[in-house]
Amino acid sequence: MSRLDKRDYYEILGVEKDADADQIKKAYRRLAVQFHPDKNPGDKSAEEKFKEATEAYEVLKDDDKRRTYDQFGHAGLSGAGAGGGAYGGFDGFDLSDALRAFMRDFGGGGGGVFDELFGGRGRGRGGPMGGSDLKVRLKLTLEEITSGVEKKLRIKHLIQCTECHGSGQAKGSKKTPCLQCGGAGEVRQVTRSIFGQFVNIATCPRCHGAGEIVEKPCPGCRGEGRIEGTSTISVKIPAGVSAGNYITVAGAGHAGPRGGPAGDAIVIIEEAPHEMFERHGDDILYALPISFAQAALGDSVIVPTLNGSVKLTIPAGTQSGKLLRLRGKGITHLRGFGSGDQLVQIIVWTPTELSSDEKALLKKLSESRGGQPPKADRSFFEKLRATFKN
């Protein structure tokens, strides 16, 4: 999308231009939950709105970027200083970037936004309350992400009591129907107003939704039917996942009270920082330092990739900052065939310690016609921009 086609960031979030940081954060949270890809699988329109809202939030929550945007609009954010890294501004802002940004600010533990995305475990009609979901964070390397991996995770959660087998009652004890709810596990409260009659259905406070009362609770679990324990689960991670994606392991969450069904384990993907590569969507960026001689004369060098090393040809006259592309050497696409690319950013290294002979050679080169930089006119800057775009 060109800058001319972009909507106003304040309009996207539905806030006034004098909105404070808290108003901006609340507005974004509401939109992000509404249009999150995991709540709208396969909906491209919702995906675009999620990316659009996240992009607007990333700008307006940052005081410097917000000042720039207020003064210059979208055009002011198109430079590399706006936070777009090697791609410049937000022109390369994609779904992976949006998911990472969402997870960074709203992916904390303790329920909250994830309860809105995943929902809770309620009581089935005529059955016991179900257990809650368990959120588990799994950090992966880029190598694991691009190839896919199977992980075994040891988790702590509430499991069925081994002494009473989840019933919550001691041996020889009996259960009697709850008198308050008549065994339904639910109580109804009827309220009347000028607008009519309203019925509110709530979990029975006496039996906690079980519909029965235990005469003598199990000493091992104190009548809960569940205790703290550990389990090992196996999770298959497909290639191409991003931070913020999650995988559901059915029935691996917390056990329900008194024989209720277990919730799910929600395995939330995180990405471990890589010592050499930086991820941009399904592309990866690698910075390659070379000497002035290599840049001027050209060279053939060996560079690392996520799947071994490959030979890269550096053309003669390569400028510092130029991006060379290794096609298909990036991250495997999650929902399709093929892979992203590896972008190699050339960094011409300037030596800091020179011998007297080296200084003399460089001085002689600088005095020659070939050692002089071109005149900084309009054509020079156009060529320089073309170098960073390619």
Protein backbone atom coordinates (compact mmCIF):
# COMPACT_ATOMS: atom_id res chain seq x y z
CA MET A 1 0.00 0.00 0.00
CA SER A 2 1.43 3.40 -0.97
CA ARG A 3 1.60 6.29 1.47
CA LEU A 4 -1.17 8.03 -0.47
CA ASP A 5 -3.51 5.06 0.14
CA LYS A 6 -2.83 4.83 3.88
CA ARG A 7 -5.59 5.84 6.28
CA ASP A 8 -5.01 8.32 9.08
CA TYR A 9 -3.61 6.54 12.15
CA TYR A 10 -5.94 8.37 14.56
CA GLU A 11 -8.91 7.43 12.38
CA ILE A 12 -7.84 3.77 12.35
CA LEU A 13 -7.75 3.58 16.15
CA GLY A 14 -10.84 5.76 16.54
CA VAL A 15 -9.16 8.29 18.85
CA GLU A 16 -8.79 12.07 18.84
CA LYS A 17 -5.47 13.69 17.96
CA ASP A 18 -4.98 14.75 21.58
CA ALA A 19 -5.56 11.21 22.92
CA ASP A 20 -3.18 10.17 25.69
CA ALA A 21 -1.09 6.99 25.79
CA ASP A 22 -3.68 5.07 27.84
CA GLN A 23 -6.50 5.90 25.40
CA ILE A 24 -4.36 4.82 22.45
CA LYS A 25 -3.43 1.54 24.14
CA LYS A 26 -7.05 0.72 25.06
CA ALA A 27 -8.28 1.54 21.54
CA TYR A 28 -5.63 -0.68 19.96
CA ARG A 29 -6.26 -3.55 22.38
CA ARG A 30 -9.96 -3.57 21.50
CA LEU A 31 -9.27 -3.65 17.74
CA ALA A 32 -6.44 -6.17 18.01
CA VAL A 33 -8.62 -8.65 19.92
CA GLN A 34 -11.49 -8.10 17.47
CA PHE A 35 -9.43 -8.65 14.32
CA HIS A 36 -6.72 -11.03 15.61
CA PRO A 37 -5.99 -13.75 12.96
CA ASP A 38 -6.55 -16.51 15.51
CA LYS A 39 -10.13 -15.28 16.07
CA ASN A 40 -10.70 -14.85 12.33
CA PRO A 41 -8.93 -17.78 10.60
CA GLY A 42 -8.72 -17.34 6.83
CA ASP A 43 -10.29 -13.86 6.91
CA LYS A 44 -7.94 -11.66 4.87
CA SER A 45 -9.98 -8.54 5.61
CA ALA A 46 -9.62 -9.04 9.38
CA GLU A 47 -5.89 -9.76 8.93
CA GLU A 48 -5.40 -6.46 7.08
CA LYS A 49 -7.31 -4.56 9.78
CA PHE A 50 -5.16 -6.22 12.47
CA LYS A 51 -1.96 -5.16 10.67
CA GLU A 52 -3.32 -1.67 10.05
CA ALA A 53 -4.29 -1.18 13.71
CA THR A 54 -0.93 -2.48 14.93
CA GLU A 55 0.98 -0.19 12.59
CA ALA A 56 -1.02 2.80 13.83
CA TYR A 57 -0.40 1.79 17.45
CA GLU A 58 3.35 1.35 16.92
CA VAL A 59 3.59 4.93 15.66
CA LEU A 60 1.22 6.72 18.02
CA LYS A 61 2.52 5.08 21.21
CA ASP A 62 6.06 6.34 20.48
CA ASP A 63 6.46 10.06 21.28
CA ASP A 64 9.15 10.71 18.64
CA LYS A 65 7.35 8.86 15.84
CA ARG A 66 4.07 10.48 16.81
CA ARG A 67 5.60 13.98 16.59
CA THR A 68 7.06 13.14 13.19
CA TYR A 69 3.73 11.78 11.97
CA ASP A 70 1.79 14.79 13.29
CA GLN A 71 4.15 17.12 11.43
CA PHE A 72 4.83 15.27 8.18
CA GLY A 73 2.19 12.53 7.94
CA HIS A 74 3.01 9.09 6.49
CA ALA A 75 5.80 10.54 4.34
CA GLY A 76 7.76 11.45 7.45
CA LEU A 77 7.92 7.79 8.53
CA SER A 78 9.27 6.36 5.28
CA GLY A 79 12.93 6.70 6.26
CA ALA A 80 14.95 4.07 8.09
CA GLY A 81 14.94 6.24 11.21
CA ALA A 82 11.22 5.63 11.64
CA GLY A 83 11.80 2.13 12.94
CA GLY A 84 11.55 -0.01 9.85
CA GLY A 85 15.09 -1.35 9.97
CA ALA A 86 16.60 -2.43 6.67
CA TYR A 87 13.33 -1.99 4.82
CA GLY A 88 12.85 1.67 5.73
CA GLY A 89 9.90 2.97 7.73
CA PHE A 90 6.75 0.85 7.82
CA ASP A 91 6.68 -0.05 4.12
CA GLY A 92 7.66 -3.63 5.02
CA PHE A 93 5.30 -4.00 8.02
CA ASP A 94 3.73 -7.46 7.68
CA LEU A 95 1.65 -9.90 9.73
CA SER A 96 4.68 -11.37 11.54
CA ASP A 97 5.75 -7.89 12.66
CA ALA A 98 2.19 -7.16 13.82
CA LEU A 99 1.93 -10.40 15.83
CA ARG A 100 5.30 -9.79 17.50
CA ALA A 101 4.27 -6.24 18.44
CA PHE A 102 0.96 -7.49 19.87
CA MET A 103 2.69 -10.21 21.91
CA ARG A 104 5.30 -7.79 23.23
CA ASP A 105 2.76 -5.44 24.83
CA PHE A 106 -0.21 -7.73 25.50
CA GLY A 107 1.22 -11.25 25.75
CA GLY A 108 1.80 -11.29 29.50
CA GLY A 109 0.58 -14.15 31.67
CA GLY A 110 -2.40 -14.24 33.96
CA GLY A 111 -5.28 -14.44 31.52
CA GLY A 112 -6.40 -11.04 30.28
CA VAL A 113 -6.22 -10.70 26.53
CA PHE A 114 -5.69 -14.42 25.98
CA ASP A 115 -8.93 -15.20 27.77
CA GLU A 116 -10.65 -12.96 25.22
CA LEU A 117 -8.95 -14.76 22.33
CA PHE A 118 -9.23 -18.34 23.52
CA GLY A 119 -12.34 -18.18 25.70
CA GLY A 120 -12.79 -20.08 28.97
CA ARG A 121 -13.97 -23.54 29.94
CA GLY A 122 -17.55 -23.41 31.18
CA ARG A 123 -19.78 -25.99 32.71
CA GLY A 124 -21.41 -28.28 30.18
CA ARG A 125 -25.15 -28.57 30.47
CA GLY A 126 -25.86 -31.24 33.08
CA GLY A 127 -22.16 -31.85 33.72
CA PRO A 128 -19.36 -30.68 36.02
CA MET A 129 -17.29 -27.54 35.53
CA GLY A 130 -14.38 -27.87 33.12
CA GLY A 131 -10.80 -26.97 33.93
CA SER A 132 -9.18 -23.78 32.69
CA ASP A 133 -6.71 -23.54 29.84
CA LEU A 134 -2.99 -23.47 30.57
CA LYS A 135 -0.75 -20.98 28.74
CA VAL A 136 2.76 -22.28 28.01
CA ARG A 137 5.48 -20.21 26.32
CA LEU A 138 7.89 -21.95 23.97
CA LYS A 139 10.98 -20.13 22.69
CA LEU A 140 12.31 -21.37 19.34
CA THR A 141 15.44 -20.61 17.33
CA LEU A 142 15.17 -19.42 13.72
CA GLU A 143 16.65 -22.75 12.62
CA GLU A 144 13.84 -24.62 14.39
CA ILE A 145 11.26 -22.24 12.95
CA THR A 146 12.37 -22.67 9.35
CA SER A 147 12.52 -26.46 9.49
CA GLY A 148 9.73 -27.27 11.94
CA VAL A 149 10.36 -29.22 15.12
CA GLU A 150 8.73 -31.52 17.68
CA LYS A 151 9.21 -30.52 21.32
CA LYS A 152 8.52 -32.35 24.56
CA LEU A 153 7.44 -29.95 27.31
CA ARG A 154 7.19 -30.66 31.02
CA ILE A 155 4.29 -28.66 32.44
CA LYS A 156 2.92 -27.99 35.92
CA HIS A 157 -0.86 -28.09 36.14
CA LEU A 158 -3.80 -29.40 38.14
CA ILE A 159 -4.28 -33.12 37.52
CA GLN A 160 -6.93 -35.60 38.65
CA CYS A 161 -6.52 -36.68 42.27
CA THR A 162 -5.00 -40.18 42.39
CA GLU A 163 -6.65 -40.99 45.73
CA CYS A 164 -10.29 -40.35 44.82
CA HIS A 165 -9.86 -40.50 41.01
CA GLY A 166 -11.38 -37.06 40.62
CA SER A 167 -14.60 -37.64 42.56
CA GLY A 168 -13.58 -35.42 45.49
CA GLN A 169 -15.08 -37.82 48.06
CA ALA A 170 -13.41 -40.04 50.62
CA LYS A 171 -13.77 -43.81 50.38
CA GLY A 172 -17.12 -45.00 51.63
CA SER A 173 -18.56 -41.48 51.44
CA LYS A 174 -21.69 -40.62 49.49
CA LYS A 175 -22.88 -37.71 47.40
CA THR A 176 -26.26 -36.12 47.82
CA PRO A 177 -28.04 -33.74 45.44
CA CYS A 178 -27.45 -30.09 46.20
CA LEU A 179 -30.60 -28.67 47.78
CA GLN A 180 -29.90 -25.10 46.69
CA CYS A 181 -29.86 -25.83 42.95
CA GLY A 182 -31.76 -29.14 42.98
CA GLY A 183 -28.83 -30.92 41.34
CA ALA A 184 -28.72 -28.59 38.34
CA GLY A 185 -25.45 -26.93 39.31
CA GLU A 186 -27.00 -23.61 38.36
CA VAL A 187 -29.22 -21.10 40.08
CA ARG A 188 -31.56 -18.64 38.40
CA GLN A 189 -32.26 -15.16 39.62
CA VAL A 190 -35.26 -13.34 38.18
CA THR A 191 -35.32 -9.55 38.23
CA ARG A 192 -38.17 -7.34 37.12
CA SER A 193 -38.03 -3.80 35.85
CA ILE A 194 -40.10 -1.44 33.75
CA PHE A 195 -38.45 -3.02 30.71
CA GLY A 196 -39.65 -6.50 31.57
CA GLN A 197 -38.39 -9.64 33.28
CA PHE A 198 -34.73 -10.72 33.15
CA VAL A 199 -33.33 -14.13 34.11
CA ASN A 200 -29.72 -14.38 35.26
CA ILE A 201 -28.18 -17.88 35.34
CA ALA A 202 -25.14 -18.36 37.59
CA THR A 203 -23.07 -21.23 38.99
CA CYS A 204 -24.50 -22.55 42.22
CA PRO A 205 -22.48 -21.04 45.11
CA ARG A 206 -23.00 -24.07 47.35
CA CYS A 207 -21.93 -26.99 45.13
CA HIS A 208 -19.81 -24.84 42.75
CA GLY A 209 -21.59 -26.26 39.72
CA ALA A 210 -21.23 -29.94 40.57
CA GLY A 211 -24.93 -30.38 41.41
CA GLU A 212 -23.95 -32.63 44.32
CA ILE A 213 -22.63 -32.24 47.84
CA VAL A 214 -19.85 -34.52 49.11
CA GLU A 215 -20.59 -35.77 52.63
CA LYS A 216 -16.95 -36.52 53.44
CA PRO A 217 -14.29 -34.81 51.26
CA CYS A 218 -11.23 -36.71 50.07
CA PRO A 219 -8.28 -35.89 52.37
CA GLY A 220 -5.85 -35.91 49.45
CA CYS A 221 -7.53 -33.11 47.50
CA ARG A 222 -9.90 -31.68 50.14
CA GLY A 223 -12.88 -32.47 47.98
CA GLU A 224 -11.61 -30.70 44.87
CA GLY A 225 -10.97 -33.89 42.90
CA ARG A 226 -7.66 -32.50 41.62
CA ILE A 227 -4.16 -31.83 42.89
CA GLU A 228 -1.00 -30.11 41.65
CA GLY A 229 1.12 -32.30 39.39
CA THR A 230 3.40 -32.40 36.35
CA SER A 231 3.02 -33.96 32.92
CA THR A 232 5.03 -34.20 29.71
CA ILE A 233 3.34 -33.22 26.47
CA SER A 234 4.57 -33.48 22.89
CA VAL A 235 4.04 -30.54 20.52
CA LYS A 236 4.64 -30.56 16.77
CA ILE A 237 5.62 -27.10 15.55
CA PRO A 238 5.09 -26.56 11.80
CA ALA A 239 7.74 -24.69 9.82
CA GLY A 240 7.23 -20.95 9.40
CA VAL A 241 5.54 -20.02 12.68
CA SER A 242 5.98 -16.52 14.14
CA ALA A 243 6.01 -15.04 17.62
CA GLY A 244 2.39 -14.78 18.71
CA ASN A 245 1.21 -17.93 16.91
CA TYR A 246 -0.05 -20.67 19.21
CA ILE A 247 -0.73 -24.41 19.11
CA THR A 248 -3.52 -26.04 21.12
CA VAL A 249 -2.92 -29.38 22.85
CA ALA A 250 -6.44 -30.58 23.67
CA GLY A 251 -7.06 -31.84 27.21
CA ALA A 252 -3.56 -30.97 28.48
CA GLY A 253 -4.65 -27.99 30.59
CA HIS A 254 -5.91 -27.95 34.18
CA ALA A 255 -8.22 -30.80 35.24
CA GLY A 256 -11.78 -29.78 36.06
CA PRO A 257 -13.00 -29.94 39.66
CA ARG A 258 -14.66 -33.21 40.76
CA GLY A 259 -14.22 -35.08 37.49
CA GLY A 260 -14.82 -32.14 35.20
CA PRO A 261 -13.15 -32.19 31.74
CA ALA A 262 -9.64 -30.79 31.46
CA GLY A 263 -8.90 -27.55 29.67
CA ASP A 264 -6.36 -27.24 26.86
CA ALA A 265 -2.69 -26.32 26.87
CA ILE A 266 -2.10 -23.25 24.71
CA VAL A 267 1.53 -23.31 23.54
CA ILE A 268 2.45 -19.72 22.60
CA ILE A 269 5.40 -19.33 20.23
CA GLU A 270 8.27 -16.96 21.01
CA GLU A 271 11.42 -16.36 18.97
CA ALA A 272 14.89 -16.47 20.51
CA PRO A 273 17.18 -13.64 19.34
CA HIS A 274 19.70 -14.90 16.76
CA GLU A 275 23.35 -13.93 16.96
CA MET A 276 23.66 -13.44 13.18
CA PHE A 277 20.22 -13.02 11.59
CA GLU A 278 17.34 -10.60 12.00
CA ARG A 279 13.89 -11.71 10.90
CA HIS A 280 11.60 -9.57 8.71
CA GLY A 281 8.48 -11.58 7.94
CA ASP A 282 9.74 -14.66 6.11
CA ASP A 283 12.94 -12.89 5.02
CA ILE A 284 16.08 -12.76 7.15
CA LEU A 285 18.74 -10.07 7.20
CA TYR A 286 22.46 -10.73 7.57
CA ALA A 287 25.08 -7.97 7.89
CA LEU A 288 28.33 -8.77 6.02
CA PRO A 289 31.43 -6.64 6.74
CA ILE A 290 33.85 -6.44 3.79
CA SER A 291 37.00 -4.46 3.08
CA PHE A 292 37.24 -1.43 0.80
CA ALA A 293 39.25 -3.52 -1.67
CA GLN A 294 36.54 -6.21 -1.80
CA ALA A 295 33.88 -3.56 -2.37
CA ALA A 296 35.87 -1.81 -5.13
CA LEU A 297 37.21 -4.88 -6.95
CA GLY A 298 34.46 -7.40 -6.20
CA ASP A 299 34.96 -10.77 -4.54
CA SER A 300 33.47 -14.21 -3.90
CA VAL A 301 32.83 -14.97 -0.22
CA ILE A 302 31.21 -17.66 1.91
CA VAL A 303 28.24 -16.53 4.01
CA PRO A 304 26.19 -18.47 6.58
CA THR A 305 22.50 -19.27 6.08
CA LEU A 306 19.95 -21.08 8.24
CA ASN A 307 20.79 -24.27 6.34
CA GLY A 308 24.57 -24.23 6.00
CA SER A 309 26.91 -21.90 4.10
CA VAL A 310 26.76 -20.71 0.49
CA LYS A 311 29.00 -18.75 -1.90
CA LEU A 312 28.04 -15.13 -2.56
CA THR A 313 29.43 -12.99 -5.39
CA ILE A 314 30.07 -9.35 -4.51
CA PRO A 315 30.01 -7.22 -7.69
CA ALA A 316 32.81 -4.70 -8.25
CA GLY A 317 31.89 -1.21 -7.10
CA THR A 318 29.44 -2.37 -4.41
CA GLN A 319 28.46 0.45 -2.05
CA SER A 320 28.13 0.14 1.71
CA GLY A 321 24.51 -0.58 2.66
CA LYS A 322 23.63 -2.43 -0.56
CA LEU A 323 21.35 -5.45 -0.12
CA LEU A 324 22.21 -8.65 -1.99
CA ARG A 325 19.51 -11.32 -2.19
CA LEU A 326 19.86 -15.06 -1.68
CA ARG A 327 16.53 -16.38 -2.94
CA GLY A 328 14.83 -19.15 -0.96
CA LYS A 329 17.30 -18.97 1.95
CA GLY A 330 14.87 -17.39 4.40
CA ILE A 331 12.03 -18.75 6.58
CA THR A 332 9.73 -21.46 5.21
CA HIS A 333 6.26 -20.07 4.43
CA LEU A 334 3.75 -21.23 7.05
CA ARG A 335 0.70 -21.62 4.80
CA GLY A 336 2.19 -22.29 1.40
CA PHE A 337 5.13 -23.58 -0.58
CA GLY A 338 8.63 -22.16 -0.73
CA SER A 339 10.58 -19.87 1.56
CA GLY A 340 11.49 -16.25 2.02
CA ASP A 341 14.87 -14.82 1.04
CA GLN A 342 18.05 -14.01 2.88
CA LEU A 343 19.11 -10.40 2.44
CA VAL A 344 22.82 -9.74 2.84
CA GLN A 345 23.53 -6.12 3.76
CA ILE A 346 27.01 -5.04 2.75
CA ILE A 347 28.92 -3.04 5.36
CA VAL A 348 32.21 -1.62 4.06
CA TRP A 349 34.60 -1.81 6.97
CA THR A 350 36.93 1.12 7.63
CA PRO A 351 40.24 0.12 9.27
CA THR A 352 41.14 1.99 12.46
CA GLU A 353 44.83 1.07 12.68
CA LEU A 354 47.10 1.58 9.64
CA SER A 355 50.82 1.23 9.11
CA SER A 356 52.76 4.08 7.52
CA ASP A 357 52.97 2.13 4.22
CA GLU A 358 49.20 1.54 4.24
CA LYS A 359 48.56 5.22 4.93
CA ALA A 360 50.80 6.19 2.03
CA LEU A 361 48.99 3.82 -0.34
CA LEU A 362 45.58 5.16 0.70
CA LYS A 363 46.77 8.76 0.35
CA LYS A 364 48.04 8.01 -3.15
CA LEU A 365 44.69 6.37 -4.02
CA SER A 366 42.72 9.31 -2.65
CA GLU A 367 44.68 11.69 -4.90
CA SER A 368 43.91 9.66 -8.02
CA ARG A 369 40.80 10.18 -10.14
CA GLY A 370 39.40 6.77 -9.19
CA GLY A 371 39.76 7.52 -5.48
CA GLN A 372 37.59 10.65 -5.60
CA PRO A 373 33.89 10.37 -4.71
CA PRO A 374 31.38 11.66 -7.30
CA LYS A 375 29.89 15.12 -7.06
CA ALA A 376 26.87 15.13 -4.71
CA ASP A 377 24.24 16.27 -7.21
CA ARG A 378 20.70 15.04 -7.89
CA SER A 379 21.86 12.13 -10.06
CA PHE A 380 24.22 10.96 -7.31
CA PHE A 381 21.45 10.79 -4.72
CA GLU A 382 19.16 8.98 -7.17
CA LYS A 383 21.85 6.34 -7.71
CA LEU A 384 22.39 6.07 -3.96
CA ARG A 385 18.68 5.52 -3.34
CA ALA A 386 18.64 2.86 -6.05
CA THR A 387 21.52 1.10 -4.28
CA PHE A 388 19.53 0.79 -1.02
CA LYS A 389 16.34 -0.32 -2.80
CA ASN A 390 17.96 -3.19 -4.71
